[in-house]
């Protein structure tokens, strides 16, 4: 995703333009020590969120809402606000962790939330980590900062640390007891014909692209907010009842193409949804994570990762399964099967 007017740092040995599509993803659940039932993050005004995002070096482009969620499309990815859950996803050279302390102060002053119920911070390893700001260049440094804020931190690295891998930071306490789940598909080496559509020169609006590509049909009943950047790049947020969402972000340049898909929609199987996403973007490889707690119907969806036989065009390169407090976590990496010869 391109950002209008963004100043991009370059490594000394190269002045070629590069944009890091890989996002940093922060999810924080809040609670009140006095059991305040009326506390609600959705009462916080947009101007307060805009001020918070100055610590991240991004801004709000547009918003949609329903009774259970406010969705913001950002200059770098997305933000979702529900009653007691905050989600911030940012790409490029954003400084996402710089928002945590101001966030804790803001929600305490505006809503009365004075307890952290749960924390999740994750991202794929960056393509060019040296272009990130200091704290985000190494996961160890991110962990040190997070440990200085949260108690009982637990950090994980899944995948090949000398190749494609995925980092997660959470706390060791069991916080969220309501059904909770997240599916992510992080796609690389994406089909060039598909990526060429997500440019201003292709001649379609964001809404037209959302319909033409099939994104609008991925999860029926979704209220969609989409945006096409200049000269290229695309973001969309979709919201549903019960604080459910899905979001897609596209960096289309062939040299560093990247697409992310994320949703918390509860399903006992994600096979059809994953298949539809792959049919749209046709990535050369993709990383998939499913994180679901024991209360979620998606707790059984991990079979999708463990048995990928229903996708004959991809082979599974890596698969790791682990339990993180009351969550099951599965990580897998897939790549296109080479075409059959003869």
C-alpha atoms as a PDB file:
ATOM      1  CA  UNK A   1       0.000   0.000   0.000  1.00  0.00           C
ATOM      2  CA  UNK A   2       1.370   3.378  -0.985  1.00  0.00           C
ATOM      3  CA  UNK A   3       0.938   6.366   1.294  1.00  0.00           C
ATOM      4  CA  UNK A   4       0.496   9.819  -0.151  1.00  0.00           C
ATOM      5  CA  UNK A   5       3.503  12.004   0.526  1.00  0.00           C
ATOM      6  CA  UNK A   6       5.299   9.480   2.746  1.00  0.00           C
ATOM      7  CA  UNK A   7       9.004  10.033   3.281  1.00  0.00           C
ATOM      8  CA  UNK A   8      10.702   6.657   2.888  1.00  0.00           C
ATOM      9  CA  UNK A   9      14.075   5.974   4.468  1.00  0.00           C
ATOM     10  CA  UNK A  10      16.578   4.017   2.427  1.00  0.00           C
ATOM     11  CA  UNK A  11      19.468   1.824   3.364  1.00  0.00           C
ATOM     12  CA  UNK A  12      22.853   3.325   2.494  1.00  0.00           C
ATOM     13  CA  UNK A  13      23.583   0.748  -0.219  1.00  0.00           C
ATOM     14  CA  UNK A  14      20.314   1.327  -2.079  1.00  0.00           C
ATOM     15  CA  UNK A  15      18.179   4.269  -3.092  1.00  0.00           C
ATOM     16  CA  UNK A  16      15.560   2.201  -4.883  1.00  0.00           C
ATOM     17  CA  UNK A  17      12.013   2.796  -3.659  1.00  0.00           C
ATOM     18  CA  UNK A  18      10.657   0.183  -1.294  1.00  0.00           C
ATOM     19  CA  UNK A  19       7.496  -0.084   0.806  1.00  0.00           C
ATOM     20  CA  UNK A  20       7.091  -2.581   3.651  1.00  0.00           C
ATOM     21  CA  UNK A  21       3.633  -4.061   3.298  1.00  0.00           C
ATOM     22  CA  UNK A  22       4.088  -6.325   6.315  1.00  0.00           C
ATOM     23  CA  UNK A  23       1.908  -5.048   9.163  1.00  0.00           C
ATOM     24  CA  UNK A  24       2.376  -4.807  12.871  1.00  0.00           C
ATOM     25  CA  UNK A  25      -0.811  -5.934  14.644  1.00  0.00           C
ATOM     26  CA  UNK A  26      -1.780  -4.912  18.182  1.00  0.00           C
ATOM     27  CA  UNK A  27      -4.899  -6.125  20.003  1.00  0.00           C
ATOM     28  CA  UNK A  28      -5.662  -5.021  23.561  1.00  0.00           C
ATOM     29  CA  UNK A  29      -8.641  -6.087  25.682  1.00  0.00           C
ATOM     30  CA  UNK A  30      -9.621  -3.855  28.618  1.00  0.00           C
ATOM     31  CA  UNK A  31     -11.500  -4.260  31.896  1.00  0.00           C
ATOM     32  CA  UNK A  32     -12.411  -2.274  35.006  1.00  0.00           C
ATOM     33  CA  UNK A  33     -11.273  -3.172  38.517  1.00  0.00           C
ATOM     34  CA  UNK A  34     -14.609  -1.954  39.885  1.00  0.00           C
ATOM     35  CA  UNK A  35     -16.659  -3.982  37.390  1.00  0.00           C
ATOM     36  CA  UNK A  36     -17.946  -0.909  35.539  1.00  0.00           C
ATOM     37  CA  UNK A  37     -20.433  -2.291  33.003  1.00  0.00           C
ATOM     38  CA  UNK A  38     -20.933   1.056  31.257  1.00  0.00           C
ATOM     39  CA  UNK A  39     -17.285   1.480  30.202  1.00  0.00           C
ATOM     40  CA  UNK A  40     -17.110   1.545  26.403  1.00  0.00           C
ATOM     41  CA  UNK A  41     -14.221   2.410  24.050  1.00  0.00           C
ATOM     42  CA  UNK A  42     -16.732   3.453  21.399  1.00  0.00           C
ATOM     43  CA  UNK A  43     -17.487   6.689  23.286  1.00  0.00           C
ATOM     44  CA  UNK A  44     -13.976   7.976  22.555  1.00  0.00           C
ATOM     45  CA  UNK A  45     -14.149  10.649  19.872  1.00  0.00           C
ATOM     46  CA  UNK A  46     -12.399  10.474  16.514  1.00  0.00           C
ATOM     47  CA  UNK A  47     -10.256  13.492  17.390  1.00  0.00           C
ATOM     48  CA  UNK A  48      -8.809  11.565  20.344  1.00  0.00           C
ATOM     49  CA  UNK A  49      -7.964   8.613  18.115  1.00  0.00           C
ATOM     50  CA  UNK A  50      -6.376  10.982  15.606  1.00  0.00           C
ATOM     51  CA  UNK A  51      -4.183  12.371  18.360  1.00  0.00           C
ATOM     52  CA  UNK A  52      -3.214   8.851  19.439  1.00  0.00           C
ATOM     53  CA  UNK A  53      -2.185   7.972  15.889  1.00  0.00           C
ATOM     54  CA  UNK A  54       0.351  10.802  15.793  1.00  0.00           C
ATOM     55  CA  UNK A  55       2.488   8.519  17.984  1.00  0.00           C
ATOM     56  CA  UNK A  56       2.272   5.883  15.261  1.00  0.00           C
ATOM     57  CA  UNK A  57       2.913   8.225  12.305  1.00  0.00           C
ATOM     58  CA  UNK A  58      -0.316   7.505  10.472  1.00  0.00           C
ATOM     59  CA  UNK A  59      -3.755   9.090  10.167  1.00  0.00           C
ATOM     60  CA  UNK A  60      -7.446   8.330   9.647  1.00  0.00           C
ATOM     61  CA  UNK A  61      -8.823   8.328   6.100  1.00  0.00           C
ATOM     62  CA  UNK A  62     -12.424   7.217   6.651  1.00  0.00           C
ATOM     63  CA  UNK A  63     -14.728   5.399   9.063  1.00  0.00           C
ATOM     64  CA  UNK A  64     -17.785   3.149   9.258  1.00  0.00           C
ATOM     65  CA  UNK A  65     -19.692   1.918  12.279  1.00  0.00           C
ATOM     66  CA  UNK A  66     -22.473  -0.313  13.503  1.00  0.00           C
ATOM     67  CA  UNK A  67     -23.909  -0.964  16.963  1.00  0.00           C
ATOM     68  CA  UNK A  68     -20.926  -3.040  18.102  1.00  0.00           C
ATOM     69  CA  UNK A  69     -17.881  -1.608  16.295  1.00  0.00           C
ATOM     70  CA  UNK A  70     -16.237   1.456  14.755  1.00  0.00           C
ATOM     71  CA  UNK A  71     -13.897   0.792  11.843  1.00  0.00           C
ATOM     72  CA  UNK A  72     -11.237   3.222  10.628  1.00  0.00           C
ATOM     73  CA  UNK A  73      -9.316   2.946   7.366  1.00  0.00           C
ATOM     74  CA  UNK A  74      -5.903   4.492   7.992  1.00  0.00           C
ATOM     75  CA  UNK A  75      -3.177   5.929   5.805  1.00  0.00           C
ATOM     76  CA  UNK A  76      -1.334   2.746   6.799  1.00  0.00           C
ATOM     77  CA  UNK A  77      -3.895  -0.033   7.285  1.00  0.00           C
ATOM     78  CA  UNK A  78      -6.704  -0.196   9.900  1.00  0.00           C
ATOM     79  CA  UNK A  79      -8.092   0.358  13.375  1.00  0.00           C
ATOM     80  CA  UNK A  80     -11.144  -1.322  14.956  1.00  0.00           C
ATOM     81  CA  UNK A  81     -12.835  -0.184  18.162  1.00  0.00           C
ATOM     82  CA  UNK A  82     -15.454  -2.209  20.050  1.00  0.00           C
ATOM     83  CA  UNK A  83     -16.728  -2.071  23.621  1.00  0.00           C
ATOM     84  CA  UNK A  84     -13.579  -3.302  25.365  1.00  0.00           C
ATOM     85  CA  UNK A  85     -11.250  -4.316  22.515  1.00  0.00           C
ATOM     86  CA  UNK A  86      -8.800  -2.129  20.582  1.00  0.00           C
ATOM     87  CA  UNK A  87      -7.189  -3.355  17.332  1.00  0.00           C
ATOM     88  CA  UNK A  88      -4.529  -1.391  15.464  1.00  0.00           C
ATOM     89  CA  UNK A  89      -2.822  -2.716  12.329  1.00  0.00           C
ATOM     90  CA  UNK A  90      -0.177  -0.604  10.588  1.00  0.00           C
ATOM     91  CA  UNK A  91       2.338  -1.148   7.779  1.00  0.00           C
ATOM     92  CA  UNK A  92       5.291   0.759   6.330  1.00  0.00           C
ATOM     93  CA  UNK A  93       7.633   2.425   8.818  1.00  0.00           C
ATOM     94  CA  UNK A  94       4.961   3.131  11.409  1.00  0.00           C
ATOM     95  CA  UNK A  95       5.895   3.155  15.087  1.00  0.00           C
ATOM     96  CA  UNK A  96       2.934   1.202  16.433  1.00  0.00           C
ATOM     97  CA  UNK A  97       4.370   0.404  19.859  1.00  0.00           C
ATOM     98  CA  UNK A  98       4.664   4.127  20.519  1.00  0.00           C
ATOM     99  CA  UNK A  99       0.874   4.194  20.882  1.00  0.00           C
ATOM    100  CA  UNK A 100       0.596   1.802  23.820  1.00  0.00           C
ATOM    101  CA  UNK A 101       1.283   4.111  26.763  1.00  0.00           C
ATOM    102  CA  UNK A 102      -0.868   6.950  25.332  1.00  0.00           C
ATOM    103  CA  UNK A 103      -3.596   4.360  24.655  1.00  0.00           C
ATOM    104  CA  UNK A 104      -3.633   3.146  28.255  1.00  0.00           C
ATOM    105  CA  UNK A 105      -3.852   6.734  29.483  1.00  0.00           C
ATOM    106  CA  UNK A 106      -6.612   7.620  27.004  1.00  0.00           C
ATOM    107  CA  UNK A 107      -8.915   4.692  27.805  1.00  0.00           C
ATOM    108  CA  UNK A 108      -8.519   5.217  31.529  1.00  0.00           C
ATOM    109  CA  UNK A 109      -9.349   8.938  31.337  1.00  0.00           C
ATOM    110  CA  UNK A 110     -12.224   8.651  28.826  1.00  0.00           C
ATOM    111  CA  UNK A 111     -13.788   5.296  29.760  1.00  0.00           C
ATOM    112  CA  UNK A 112     -12.567   4.313  33.205  1.00  0.00           C
ATOM    113  CA  UNK A 113     -10.782   1.181  31.969  1.00  0.00           C
ATOM    114  CA  UNK A 114      -7.931   0.627  34.416  1.00  0.00           C
ATOM    115  CA  UNK A 115      -7.084  -3.045  33.761  1.00  0.00           C
ATOM    116  CA  UNK A 116      -5.483  -4.874  30.853  1.00  0.00           C
ATOM    117  CA  UNK A 117      -7.460  -8.039  30.267  1.00  0.00           C
ATOM    118  CA  UNK A 118      -5.279  -9.357  27.433  1.00  0.00           C
ATOM    119  CA  UNK A 119      -2.656  -8.262  24.890  1.00  0.00           C
ATOM    120  CA  UNK A 120      -1.599  -9.653  21.525  1.00  0.00           C
ATOM    121  CA  UNK A 121       1.135  -8.135  19.343  1.00  0.00           C
ATOM    122  CA  UNK A 122       2.274  -9.922  16.200  1.00  0.00           C
ATOM    123  CA  UNK A 123       3.844  -9.541  12.787  1.00  0.00           C
ATOM    124  CA  UNK A 124       5.578 -11.512  10.062  1.00  0.00           C
ATOM    125  CA  UNK A 125       9.304 -10.868   9.804  1.00  0.00           C
ATOM    126  CA  UNK A 126       9.916  -7.771   7.689  1.00  0.00           C
ATOM    127  CA  UNK A 127      11.335  -7.932   4.189  1.00  0.00           C
ATOM    128  CA  UNK A 128      13.772  -5.110   5.011  1.00  0.00           C
ATOM    129  CA  UNK A 129      13.896  -4.678   8.799  1.00  0.00           C
ATOM    130  CA  UNK A 130      16.715  -2.137   8.721  1.00  0.00           C
ATOM    131  CA  UNK A 131      14.300   0.380   7.200  1.00  0.00           C
ATOM    132  CA  UNK A 132      12.129   0.234  10.330  1.00  0.00           C
ATOM    133  CA  UNK A 133      12.559   2.720  13.151  1.00  0.00           C
ATOM    134  CA  UNK A 134      14.897   1.569  15.925  1.00  0.00           C
ATOM    135  CA  UNK A 135      12.457  -0.253  18.206  1.00  0.00           C
ATOM    136  CA  UNK A 136      10.917  -2.255  15.354  1.00  0.00           C
ATOM    137  CA  UNK A 137      14.106  -3.499  13.682  1.00  0.00           C
ATOM    138  CA  UNK A 138      14.488  -6.503  15.978  1.00  0.00           C
ATOM    139  CA  UNK A 139      11.783  -8.512  17.724  1.00  0.00           C
ATOM    140  CA  UNK A 140      13.967  -8.716  20.847  1.00  0.00           C
ATOM    141  CA  UNK A 141      13.790  -4.922  21.138  1.00  0.00           C
ATOM    142  CA  UNK A 142      10.022  -4.960  20.671  1.00  0.00           C
ATOM    143  CA  UNK A 143       9.744  -7.584  23.403  1.00  0.00           C
ATOM    144  CA  UNK A 144      11.892  -5.519  25.767  1.00  0.00           C
ATOM    145  CA  UNK A 145       9.621  -2.516  25.277  1.00  0.00           C
ATOM    146  CA  UNK A 146       6.476  -4.590  25.760  1.00  0.00           C
ATOM    147  CA  UNK A 147       7.913  -6.222  28.890  1.00  0.00           C
ATOM    148  CA  UNK A 148       8.501  -2.760  30.347  1.00  0.00           C
ATOM    149  CA  UNK A 149       4.744  -2.076  30.048  1.00  0.00           C
ATOM    150  CA  UNK A 150       3.055  -5.439  30.672  1.00  0.00           C
ATOM    151  CA  UNK A 151       3.560  -8.075  33.360  1.00  0.00           C
ATOM    152  CA  UNK A 152       4.072 -11.773  32.609  1.00  0.00           C
ATOM    153  CA  UNK A 153       4.973 -11.276  28.954  1.00  0.00           C
ATOM    154  CA  UNK A 154       5.360 -14.309  26.695  1.00  0.00           C
ATOM    155  CA  UNK A 155       7.106 -14.054  23.318  1.00  0.00           C
ATOM    156  CA  UNK A 156       7.071 -16.647  20.526  1.00  0.00           C
ATOM    157  CA  UNK A 157       8.690 -17.121  17.108  1.00  0.00           C
ATOM    158  CA  UNK A 158       7.092 -19.598  14.721  1.00  0.00           C
ATOM    159  CA  UNK A 159       8.499 -20.673  11.366  1.00  0.00           C
ATOM    160  CA  UNK A 160      12.059 -20.512  10.061  1.00  0.00           C
ATOM    161  CA  UNK A 161      13.988 -17.731  11.761  1.00  0.00           C
ATOM    162  CA  UNK A 162      16.359 -17.541   8.780  1.00  0.00           C
ATOM    163  CA  UNK A 163      13.471 -17.247   6.329  1.00  0.00           C
ATOM    164  CA  UNK A 164       9.713 -16.653   6.631  1.00  0.00           C
ATOM    165  CA  UNK A 165       8.539 -16.582  10.231  1.00  0.00           C
ATOM    166  CA  UNK A 166       5.921 -14.994  12.471  1.00  0.00           C
ATOM    167  CA  UNK A 167       6.340 -13.341  15.862  1.00  0.00           C
ATOM    168  CA  UNK A 168       3.816 -13.147  18.688  1.00  0.00           C
ATOM    169  CA  UNK A 169       3.873 -11.382  22.030  1.00  0.00           C
ATOM    170  CA  UNK A 170       1.122 -11.883  24.593  1.00  0.00           C
ATOM    171  CA  UNK A 171       0.802 -12.194  28.354  1.00  0.00           C
ATOM    172  CA  UNK A 172       0.867 -15.434  30.280  1.00  0.00           C
ATOM    173  CA  UNK A 173      -2.379 -14.756  32.124  1.00  0.00           C
ATOM    174  CA  UNK A 174      -5.719 -16.118  30.922  1.00  0.00           C
ATOM    175  CA  UNK A 175      -7.630 -12.952  30.155  1.00  0.00           C
ATOM    176  CA  UNK A 176     -10.290 -13.308  27.467  1.00  0.00           C
ATOM    177  CA  UNK A 177     -12.841 -15.972  28.368  1.00  0.00           C
ATOM    178  CA  UNK A 178     -15.489 -15.109  25.785  1.00  0.00           C
ATOM    179  CA  UNK A 179     -15.255 -16.823  22.370  1.00  0.00           C
ATOM    180  CA  UNK A 180     -12.374 -15.283  20.424  1.00  0.00           C
ATOM    181  CA  UNK A 181     -10.578 -16.208  17.216  1.00  0.00           C
ATOM    182  CA  UNK A 182      -8.421 -14.646  14.494  1.00  0.00           C
ATOM    183  CA  UNK A 183      -7.478 -15.968  11.057  1.00  0.00           C
ATOM    184  CA  UNK A 184      -4.672 -14.319   9.093  1.00  0.00           C
ATOM    185  CA  UNK A 185      -3.428 -14.978   5.565  1.00  0.00           C
ATOM    186  CA  UNK A 186      -0.226 -13.094   4.698  1.00  0.00           C
ATOM    187  CA  UNK A 187       0.436 -13.459   0.986  1.00  0.00           C
ATOM    188  CA  UNK A 188       3.675 -12.896  -0.925  1.00  0.00           C
ATOM    189  CA  UNK A 189       4.738 -13.163  -4.586  1.00  0.00           C
ATOM    190  CA  UNK A 190       1.179 -12.311  -5.518  1.00  0.00           C
ATOM    191  CA  UNK A 191      -0.107 -12.786  -9.070  1.00  0.00           C
ATOM    192  CA  UNK A 192       1.059  -9.790 -11.141  1.00  0.00           C
ATOM    193  CA  UNK A 193      -2.104  -9.588 -13.255  1.00  0.00           C
ATOM    194  CA  UNK A 194      -4.200  -9.328 -10.109  1.00  0.00           C
ATOM    195  CA  UNK A 195      -1.864  -6.789  -8.532  1.00  0.00           C
ATOM    196  CA  UNK A 196      -1.936  -4.559 -11.628  1.00  0.00           C
ATOM    197  CA  UNK A 197      -5.626  -3.949 -10.955  1.00  0.00           C
ATOM    198  CA  UNK A 198      -4.932  -2.180  -7.655  1.00  0.00           C
ATOM    199  CA  UNK A 199      -3.427   0.912  -9.280  1.00  0.00           C
ATOM    200  CA  UNK A 200      -4.909   4.249 -10.268  1.00  0.00           C
ATOM    201  CA  UNK A 201      -3.821   3.623 -13.871  1.00  0.00           C
ATOM    202  CA  UNK A 202      -6.083   0.552 -14.114  1.00  0.00           C
ATOM    203  CA  UNK A 203      -9.029   2.945 -14.138  1.00  0.00           C
ATOM    204  CA  UNK A 204     -11.422   1.472 -11.554  1.00  0.00           C
ATOM    205  CA  UNK A 205     -12.497   2.993  -8.263  1.00  0.00           C
ATOM    206  CA  UNK A 206     -11.958   1.229  -4.954  1.00  0.00           C
ATOM    207  CA  UNK A 207     -15.614   0.196  -4.841  1.00  0.00           C
ATOM    208  CA  UNK A 208     -15.485  -1.153  -8.393  1.00  0.00           C
ATOM    209  CA  UNK A 209     -12.363  -3.178  -7.580  1.00  0.00           C
ATOM    210  CA  UNK A 210     -13.975  -4.565  -4.432  1.00  0.00           C
ATOM    211  CA  UNK A 211     -16.861  -5.883  -6.518  1.00  0.00           C
ATOM    212  CA  UNK A 212     -14.904  -6.973  -9.610  1.00  0.00           C
ATOM    213  CA  UNK A 213     -12.358  -9.043  -7.694  1.00  0.00           C
ATOM    214  CA  UNK A 214     -14.903 -10.794  -5.482  1.00  0.00           C
ATOM    215  CA  UNK A 215     -13.724  -9.182  -2.245  1.00  0.00           C
ATOM    216  CA  UNK A 216     -17.267  -7.889  -1.675  1.00  0.00           C
ATOM    217  CA  UNK A 217     -18.591 -11.468  -1.682  1.00  0.00           C
ATOM    218  CA  UNK A 218     -16.080 -13.060   0.690  1.00  0.00           C
ATOM    219  CA  UNK A 219     -18.265 -12.710   3.792  1.00  0.00           C
ATOM    220  CA  UNK A 220     -21.945 -11.918   3.046  1.00  0.00           C
ATOM    221  CA  UNK A 221     -23.607  -9.122   4.973  1.00  0.00           C
ATOM    222  CA  UNK A 222     -20.437  -7.084   5.468  1.00  0.00           C
ATOM    223  CA  UNK A 223     -20.533  -3.273   5.509  1.00  0.00           C
ATOM    224  CA  UNK A 224     -17.437  -2.312   3.497  1.00  0.00           C
ATOM    225  CA  UNK A 225     -15.228   0.763   3.574  1.00  0.00           C
ATOM    226  CA  UNK A 226     -12.543   0.695   0.859  1.00  0.00           C
ATOM    227  CA  UNK A 227      -9.848   3.024  -0.446  1.00  0.00           C
ATOM    228  CA  UNK A 228      -7.496   3.072  -3.461  1.00  0.00           C
ATOM    229  CA  UNK A 229      -4.225   4.927  -2.932  1.00  0.00           C
ATOM    230  CA  UNK A 230      -2.285   7.138  -5.350  1.00  0.00           C
ATOM    231  CA  UNK A 231      -0.567   5.846  -7.439  1.00  0.00           C
ATOM    232  CA  UNK A 232      -1.281   2.319  -6.180  1.00  0.00           C
ATOM    233  CA  UNK A 233      -2.299   0.259  -3.152  1.00  0.00           C
ATOM    234  CA  UNK A 234      -5.619  -0.677  -1.599  1.00  0.00           C
ATOM    235  CA  UNK A 235      -7.199  -1.024   1.829  1.00  0.00           C
ATOM    236  CA  UNK A 236     -10.612  -2.227   2.924  1.00  0.00           C
ATOM    237  CA  UNK A 237     -12.391  -2.812   6.215  1.00  0.00           C
ATOM    238  CA  UNK A 238     -15.568  -4.814   6.533  1.00  0.00           C
ATOM    239  CA  UNK A 239     -17.699  -4.892   9.684  1.00  0.00           C
ATOM    240  CA  UNK A 240     -20.490  -7.221  10.773  1.00  0.00           C
ATOM    241  CA  UNK A 241     -22.706  -7.590  13.864  1.00  0.00           C
ATOM    242  CA  UNK A 242     -21.254  -8.782  17.171  1.00  0.00           C
ATOM    243  CA  UNK A 243     -17.973  -6.880  16.724  1.00  0.00           C
ATOM    244  CA  UNK A 244     -16.842  -9.054  13.815  1.00  0.00           C
ATOM    245  CA  UNK A 245     -14.706  -7.729  10.970  1.00  0.00           C
ATOM    246  CA  UNK A 246     -12.447  -8.573   8.082  1.00  0.00           C
ATOM    247  CA  UNK A 247      -9.763  -6.451   6.498  1.00  0.00           C
ATOM    248  CA  UNK A 248      -7.537  -6.612   3.403  1.00  0.00           C
ATOM    249  CA  UNK A 249      -4.433  -4.549   2.580  1.00  0.00           C
ATOM    250  CA  UNK A 250      -2.560  -4.660  -0.707  1.00  0.00           C
ATOM    251  CA  UNK A 251       0.939  -3.535  -1.684  1.00  0.00           C
ATOM    252  CA  UNK A 252       0.880  -4.316  -5.416  1.00  0.00           C
ATOM    253  CA  UNK A 253       4.410  -3.513  -6.671  1.00  0.00           C
ATOM    254  CA  UNK A 254       5.895  -6.642  -8.238  1.00  0.00           C
ATOM    255  CA  UNK A 255       9.267  -6.293  -6.470  1.00  0.00           C
ATOM    256  CA  UNK A 256       7.683  -6.517  -3.009  1.00  0.00           C
ATOM    257  CA  UNK A 257       4.031  -7.473  -3.538  1.00  0.00           C
ATOM    258  CA  UNK A 258       2.131  -8.272  -0.372  1.00  0.00           C
ATOM    259  CA  UNK A 259      -1.509  -8.878   0.555  1.00  0.00           C
ATOM    260  CA  UNK A 260      -2.930  -9.446   4.019  1.00  0.00           C
ATOM    261  CA  UNK A 261      -6.326 -10.847   4.919  1.00  0.00           C
ATOM    262  CA  UNK A 262      -7.529 -10.929   8.517  1.00  0.00           C
ATOM    263  CA  UNK A 263     -10.845 -11.762  10.161  1.00  0.00           C
ATOM    264  CA  UNK A 264     -12.307 -12.680  13.544  1.00  0.00           C
ATOM    265  CA  UNK A 265     -15.528 -14.121  12.096  1.00  0.00           C
ATOM    266  CA  UNK A 266     -16.244 -17.359  14.032  1.00  0.00           C
ATOM    267  CA  UNK A 267     -16.403 -20.424  11.788  1.00  0.00           C
ATOM    268  CA  UNK A 268     -15.921 -24.091  12.595  1.00  0.00           C
ATOM    269  CA  UNK A 269     -14.140 -24.443   9.245  1.00  0.00           C
ATOM    270  CA  UNK A 270     -12.290 -21.781   7.243  1.00  0.00           C
ATOM    271  CA  UNK A 271     -11.648 -23.958   4.195  1.00  0.00           C
ATOM    272  CA  UNK A 272     -14.161 -22.261   1.881  1.00  0.00           C
ATOM    273  CA  UNK A 273     -13.173 -18.757   2.972  1.00  0.00           C
ATOM    274  CA  UNK A 274      -9.461 -19.448   2.602  1.00  0.00           C
ATOM    275  CA  UNK A 275     -10.070 -21.009  -0.804  1.00  0.00           C
ATOM    276  CA  UNK A 276     -11.982 -17.915  -1.958  1.00  0.00           C
ATOM    277  CA  UNK A 277      -9.210 -15.563  -0.816  1.00  0.00           C
ATOM    278  CA  UNK A 278      -6.555 -17.632  -2.594  1.00  0.00           C
ATOM    279  CA  UNK A 279      -8.621 -17.718  -5.778  1.00  0.00           C
ATOM    280  CA  UNK A 280      -8.721 -13.912  -5.812  1.00  0.00           C
ATOM    281  CA  UNK A 281      -5.034 -13.207  -5.199  1.00  0.00           C
ATOM    282  CA  UNK A 282      -3.210 -16.382  -6.367  1.00  0.00           C
ATOM    283  CA  UNK A 283      -0.104 -15.821  -4.202  1.00  0.00           C
ATOM    284  CA  UNK A 284       3.153 -17.642  -4.851  1.00  0.00           C
ATOM    285  CA  UNK A 285       3.337 -18.373  -1.138  1.00  0.00           C
ATOM    286  CA  UNK A 286       1.417 -17.464   1.969  1.00  0.00           C
ATOM    287  CA  UNK A 287       1.662 -17.658   5.722  1.00  0.00           C
ATOM    288  CA  UNK A 288      -1.472 -18.669   7.635  1.00  0.00           C
ATOM    289  CA  UNK A 289      -2.214 -18.390  11.338  1.00  0.00           C
ATOM    290  CA  UNK A 290      -5.300 -19.404  13.302  1.00  0.00           C
ATOM    291  CA  UNK A 291      -5.560 -18.343  16.941  1.00  0.00           C
ATOM    292  CA  UNK A 292      -8.696 -19.527  18.766  1.00  0.00           C
ATOM    293  CA  UNK A 293      -9.536 -19.939  22.416  1.00  0.00           C
ATOM    294  CA  UNK A 294     -11.306 -22.899  23.990  1.00  0.00           C
ATOM    295  CA  UNK A 295     -14.671 -21.094  23.997  1.00  0.00           C
ATOM    296  CA  UNK A 296     -14.596 -20.480  20.232  1.00  0.00           C
ATOM    297  CA  UNK A 297     -16.242 -22.687  17.617  1.00  0.00           C
ATOM    298  CA  UNK A 298     -13.050 -22.122  15.594  1.00  0.00           C
ATOM    299  CA  UNK A 299     -11.080 -24.224  18.065  1.00  0.00           C
ATOM    300  CA  UNK A 300     -11.579 -27.120  15.641  1.00  0.00           C
ATOM    301  CA  UNK A 301     -10.687 -25.103  12.551  1.00  0.00           C
ATOM    302  CA  UNK A 302      -7.021 -25.915  13.095  1.00  0.00           C
ATOM    303  CA  UNK A 303      -7.589 -29.030  11.012  1.00  0.00           C
ATOM    304  CA  UNK A 304      -7.540 -26.608   8.071  1.00  0.00           C
ATOM    305  CA  UNK A 305      -3.865 -26.029   8.773  1.00  0.00           C
ATOM    306  CA  UNK A 306      -2.949 -29.581   9.646  1.00  0.00           C
ATOM    307  CA  UNK A 307      -4.559 -31.146   6.584  1.00  0.00           C
ATOM    308  CA  UNK A 308      -4.353 -28.998   3.489  1.00  0.00           C
ATOM    309  CA  UNK A 309      -5.136 -31.802   1.054  1.00  0.00           C
ATOM    310  CA  UNK A 310      -8.143 -29.924  -0.281  1.00  0.00           C
ATOM    311  CA  UNK A 311      -5.768 -27.454  -1.964  1.00  0.00           C
ATOM    312  CA  UNK A 312      -3.861 -29.461  -4.563  1.00  0.00           C
ATOM    313  CA  UNK A 313      -2.139 -26.389  -6.002  1.00  0.00           C
ATOM    314  CA  UNK A 314      -0.202 -25.592  -2.788  1.00  0.00           C
ATOM    315  CA  UNK A 315       2.193 -27.611  -0.694  1.00  0.00           C
ATOM    316  CA  UNK A 316       2.748 -27.087   3.018  1.00  0.00           C
ATOM    317  CA  UNK A 317       6.352 -26.167   3.819  1.00  0.00           C
ATOM    318  CA  UNK A 318       6.030 -25.620   7.572  1.00  0.00           C
ATOM    319  CA  UNK A 319       3.423 -26.280  10.246  1.00  0.00           C
ATOM    320  CA  UNK A 320       3.658 -25.659  13.986  1.00  0.00           C
ATOM    321  CA  UNK A 321       0.967 -26.191  16.599  1.00  0.00           C
ATOM    322  CA  UNK A 322       1.108 -24.864  20.120  1.00  0.00           C
ATOM    323  CA  UNK A 323      -1.070 -23.883  23.053  1.00  0.00           C
ATOM    324  CA  UNK A 324      -0.776 -20.314  24.315  1.00  0.00           C
ATOM    325  CA  UNK A 325      -2.627 -20.085  27.643  1.00  0.00           C
ATOM    326  CA  UNK A 326      -6.280 -20.869  26.729  1.00  0.00           C
ATOM    327  CA  UNK A 327      -5.693 -20.446  22.965  1.00  0.00           C
ATOM    328  CA  UNK A 328      -4.725 -22.967  20.320  1.00  0.00           C
ATOM    329  CA  UNK A 329      -2.316 -21.458  17.806  1.00  0.00           C
ATOM    330  CA  UNK A 330      -1.375 -22.955  14.455  1.00  0.00           C
ATOM    331  CA  UNK A 331       1.168 -21.519  12.042  1.00  0.00           C
ATOM    332  CA  UNK A 332       1.749 -22.791   8.501  1.00  0.00           C
ATOM    333  CA  UNK A 333       3.604 -21.684   5.404  1.00  0.00           C
ATOM    334  CA  UNK A 334       2.450 -22.785   1.949  1.00  0.00           C
ATOM    335  CA  UNK A 335       3.902 -22.365  -1.538  1.00  0.00           C
ATOM    336  CA  UNK A 336       2.607 -23.044  -5.010  1.00  0.00           C
ATOM    337  CA  UNK A 337       3.173 -26.531  -6.309  1.00  0.00           C
ATOM    338  CA  UNK A 338       5.350 -26.555  -9.437  1.00  0.00           C
ATOM    339  CA  UNK A 339       3.338 -27.426 -12.534  1.00  0.00           C
ATOM    340  CA  UNK A 340       3.353 -31.066 -13.577  1.00  0.00           C
ATOM    341  CA  UNK A 341       5.667 -31.826 -16.475  1.00  0.00           C
ATOM    342  CA  UNK A 342       4.612 -34.048 -19.295  1.00  0.00           C
END
